[in-house]
Amino acid sequence: MANYSAPLLYNAVTTTFKSSGVLWAGATARRLMLYEVEFGQAGTLSSTDCQNQWDLSRIGNTVTLVGTTVVTNLLDPADGASNALFMNAVSTEPCYTTAGNGLNLKSWSINQRGSYRFRCLDDGDNIIVPATAGFGLGVRTLSISGGFAASAVGSISFIER
């Protein structure tokens, strides 16, 4: 098993959900286990406090996904490269799984000036992505009030086995 991380990024948060990072199993799929997500906002914030809603949901395929491909970072340089695929700065959303089957696995609302860290307590609590090509997880955000030029930033950490 190897540990990896990748950066979350989406510029100009709006009032509709936009993915700041999407992680999925590639053609040579391995099982993925998400264990940490850190996120917040950066940039020019609104002069009046507003909330950002963050969401972690499952995706069923990546056919419609368009974004910036990012090579995941090795947390141990002795490990090999990840077989998982990752994109941030998504401009065309992936196909999110319907409610009850993985939409809104986790959902958080935080102040525009805040940040948040979600961490699984141990390996038994990890969020699992099956070793099936195109299946994965997306981290999305929106601003309840919108209209400010903040970027969604953070990182996602996972194990591949």
Protein backbone atom coordinates (compact mmCIF):
# COMPACT_ATOMS: atom_id res chain seq x y z
CA MET A 1 0.00 0.00 0.00
CA ALA A 2 1.18 3.48 -0.82
CA ASN A 3 0.02 6.92 0.35
CA TYR A 4 -0.55 9.85 -2.01
CA SER A 5 -1.90 13.40 -1.95
CA ALA A 6 -3.17 15.83 -4.56
CA PRO A 7 -4.08 19.55 -4.47
CA LEU A 8 -7.67 20.79 -4.55
CA LEU A 9 -8.21 23.96 -6.59
CA TYR A 10 -11.11 25.80 -8.15
CA ASN A 11 -10.97 29.50 -8.98
CA ALA A 12 -13.90 31.88 -8.46
CA VAL A 13 -16.31 29.96 -6.23
CA THR A 14 -19.93 30.49 -7.37
CA THR A 15 -23.45 29.72 -6.12
CA THR A 16 -23.48 26.34 -7.90
CA PHE A 17 -21.38 23.31 -6.98
CA LYS A 18 -18.04 23.16 -8.81
CA SER A 19 -15.50 20.38 -8.33
CA SER A 20 -12.18 21.45 -6.86
CA GLY A 21 -10.79 17.93 -7.12
CA VAL A 22 -11.84 14.57 -8.58
CA LEU A 23 -10.04 11.30 -7.79
CA TRP A 24 -10.88 8.12 -9.68
CA ALA A 25 -9.64 4.65 -10.56
CA GLY A 26 -7.88 4.51 -13.91
CA ALA A 27 -7.76 1.73 -16.51
CA THR A 28 -5.31 -0.28 -14.38
CA ALA A 29 -7.52 0.25 -11.35
CA ARG A 30 -6.59 -0.39 -7.77
CA ARG A 31 -8.75 0.05 -4.72
CA LEU A 32 -8.52 3.59 -3.31
CA MET A 33 -9.05 4.55 0.33
CA LEU A 34 -9.57 8.23 1.13
CA TYR A 35 -8.36 9.12 4.60
CA GLU A 36 -8.06 12.92 4.67
CA VAL A 37 -9.41 16.06 3.02
CA GLU A 38 -8.29 19.58 3.96
CA PHE A 39 -10.00 22.59 2.42
CA GLY A 40 -10.72 26.28 2.67
CA GLN A 41 -10.93 29.48 0.65
CA ALA A 42 -8.21 31.89 -0.48
CA GLY A 43 -8.25 35.19 -2.31
CA THR A 44 -10.44 38.29 -2.13
CA LEU A 45 -13.21 37.51 0.34
CA SER A 46 -16.59 39.16 0.70
CA SER A 47 -16.78 42.17 3.01
CA THR A 48 -19.73 40.52 4.75
CA ASP A 49 -19.26 37.05 6.16
CA CYS A 50 -20.75 34.28 4.10
CA GLN A 51 -20.70 30.52 4.14
CA ASN A 52 -19.18 28.03 1.73
CA GLN A 53 -20.68 24.60 1.44
CA TRP A 54 -18.29 21.72 0.73
CA ASP A 55 -19.35 18.29 -0.42
CA LEU A 56 -17.68 14.91 -0.85
CA SER A 57 -19.60 12.63 -3.24
CA ARG A 58 -19.07 9.52 -5.35
CA ILE A 59 -18.76 9.60 -9.13
CA GLY A 60 -19.83 6.76 -11.41
CA ASN A 61 -17.95 7.73 -14.56
CA THR A 62 -15.67 10.42 -15.87
CA VAL A 63 -16.95 10.68 -19.45
CA THR A 64 -17.95 14.34 -19.10
CA LEU A 65 -15.03 15.37 -16.85
CA VAL A 66 -12.81 18.20 -18.10
CA GLY A 67 -10.16 19.82 -15.93
CA THR A 68 -6.47 20.05 -15.19
CA THR A 69 -4.76 16.67 -14.86
CA VAL A 70 -2.54 16.55 -11.79
CA VAL A 71 0.09 13.92 -10.99
CA THR A 72 -0.49 12.78 -7.42
CA ASN A 73 2.30 13.34 -4.89
CA LEU A 74 4.07 10.41 -3.26
CA LEU A 75 4.10 10.75 0.51
CA ASP A 76 6.92 8.17 0.62
CA PRO A 77 9.42 8.63 -2.22
CA ALA A 78 10.24 4.90 -2.10
CA ASP A 79 6.74 4.03 -3.39
CA GLY A 80 5.80 3.83 -7.06
CA ALA A 81 3.56 6.21 -8.99
CA SER A 82 -0.18 6.01 -8.39
CA ASN A 83 -2.50 4.24 -10.84
CA ALA A 84 -5.30 6.56 -9.72
CA LEU A 85 -6.14 9.63 -11.79
CA PHE A 86 -6.80 13.12 -10.44
CA MET A 87 -8.04 16.44 -11.83
CA ASN A 88 -8.56 19.82 -10.26
CA ALA A 89 -9.80 23.15 -11.65
CA VAL A 90 -12.69 21.23 -13.21
CA SER A 91 -14.59 23.09 -15.94
CA THR A 92 -17.03 20.31 -16.93
CA GLU A 93 -18.35 18.23 -14.04
CA PRO A 94 -18.19 14.42 -13.87
CA CYS A 95 -21.30 12.28 -13.46
CA TYR A 96 -22.07 12.33 -9.74
CA THR A 97 -23.87 9.30 -8.32
CA THR A 98 -27.52 9.80 -7.38
CA ALA A 99 -28.66 10.48 -3.82
CA GLY A 100 -28.69 7.45 -1.55
CA ASN A 101 -25.91 5.84 -3.55
CA GLY A 102 -23.05 8.16 -2.77
CA LEU A 103 -24.13 11.75 -3.34
CA ASN A 104 -23.26 13.86 -0.30
CA LEU A 105 -21.20 11.25 1.56
CA LYS A 106 -19.99 14.16 3.66
CA SER A 107 -21.12 17.78 3.63
CA TRP A 108 -19.72 20.76 5.51
CA SER A 109 -20.57 24.44 5.76
CA ILE A 110 -17.74 26.71 6.83
CA ASN A 111 -17.20 30.45 7.07
CA GLN A 112 -15.39 32.03 4.10
CA ARG A 113 -12.47 32.84 6.38
CA GLY A 114 -12.25 29.33 7.79
CA SER A 115 -10.72 26.02 6.82
CA TYR A 116 -11.57 22.44 7.70
CA ARG A 117 -9.84 19.09 8.03
CA PHE A 118 -11.71 15.80 7.66
CA ARG A 119 -9.67 12.77 8.73
CA CYS A 120 -10.72 9.17 9.12
CA LEU A 121 -9.94 7.91 12.62
CA ASP A 122 -8.30 4.68 11.41
CA ASP A 123 -8.05 2.48 8.32
CA GLY A 124 -11.47 0.93 9.01
CA ASP A 125 -13.11 4.35 8.59
CA ASN A 126 -11.63 5.19 5.17
CA ILE A 127 -13.98 6.01 2.31
CA ILE A 128 -13.45 3.25 -0.26
CA VAL A 129 -13.41 3.56 -4.06
CA PRO A 130 -13.75 0.17 -5.77
CA ALA A 131 -11.09 -1.04 -8.22
CA THR A 132 -13.40 -0.22 -11.14
CA ALA A 133 -12.24 2.15 -13.88
CA GLY A 134 -14.08 5.48 -13.80
CA PHE A 135 -15.39 5.15 -10.23
CA GLY A 136 -14.17 7.72 -7.74
CA LEU A 137 -14.80 10.69 -5.46
CA GLY A 138 -15.25 14.39 -6.05
CA VAL A 139 -14.80 17.32 -3.67
CA ARG A 140 -17.12 20.19 -4.62
CA THR A 141 -17.88 23.61 -3.21
CA LEU A 142 -20.27 26.51 -3.59
CA SER A 143 -20.76 29.84 -1.90
CA ILE A 144 -24.17 30.38 -0.39
CA SER A 145 -24.04 34.09 -1.23
CA GLY A 146 -21.61 34.00 -4.18
CA GLY A 147 -20.17 37.07 -5.77
CA PHE A 148 -16.70 37.05 -4.31
CA ALA A 149 -13.42 36.12 -5.96
CA ALA A 150 -12.23 33.41 -3.60
CA SER A 151 -10.63 30.19 -4.76
CA ALA A 152 -11.38 26.76 -3.32
CA VAL A 153 -8.08 25.25 -2.16
CA GLY A 154 -6.91 22.28 -0.15
CA SER A 155 -5.60 18.76 -0.50
CA ILE A 156 -6.86 15.20 -0.62
CA SER A 157 -4.89 12.22 0.76
CA PHE A 158 -5.50 8.58 -0.09
CA ILE A 159 -4.07 5.07 -0.03
CA GLU A 160 -3.87 2.88 -3.09
CA ARG A 161 -3.75 -0.88 -2.76
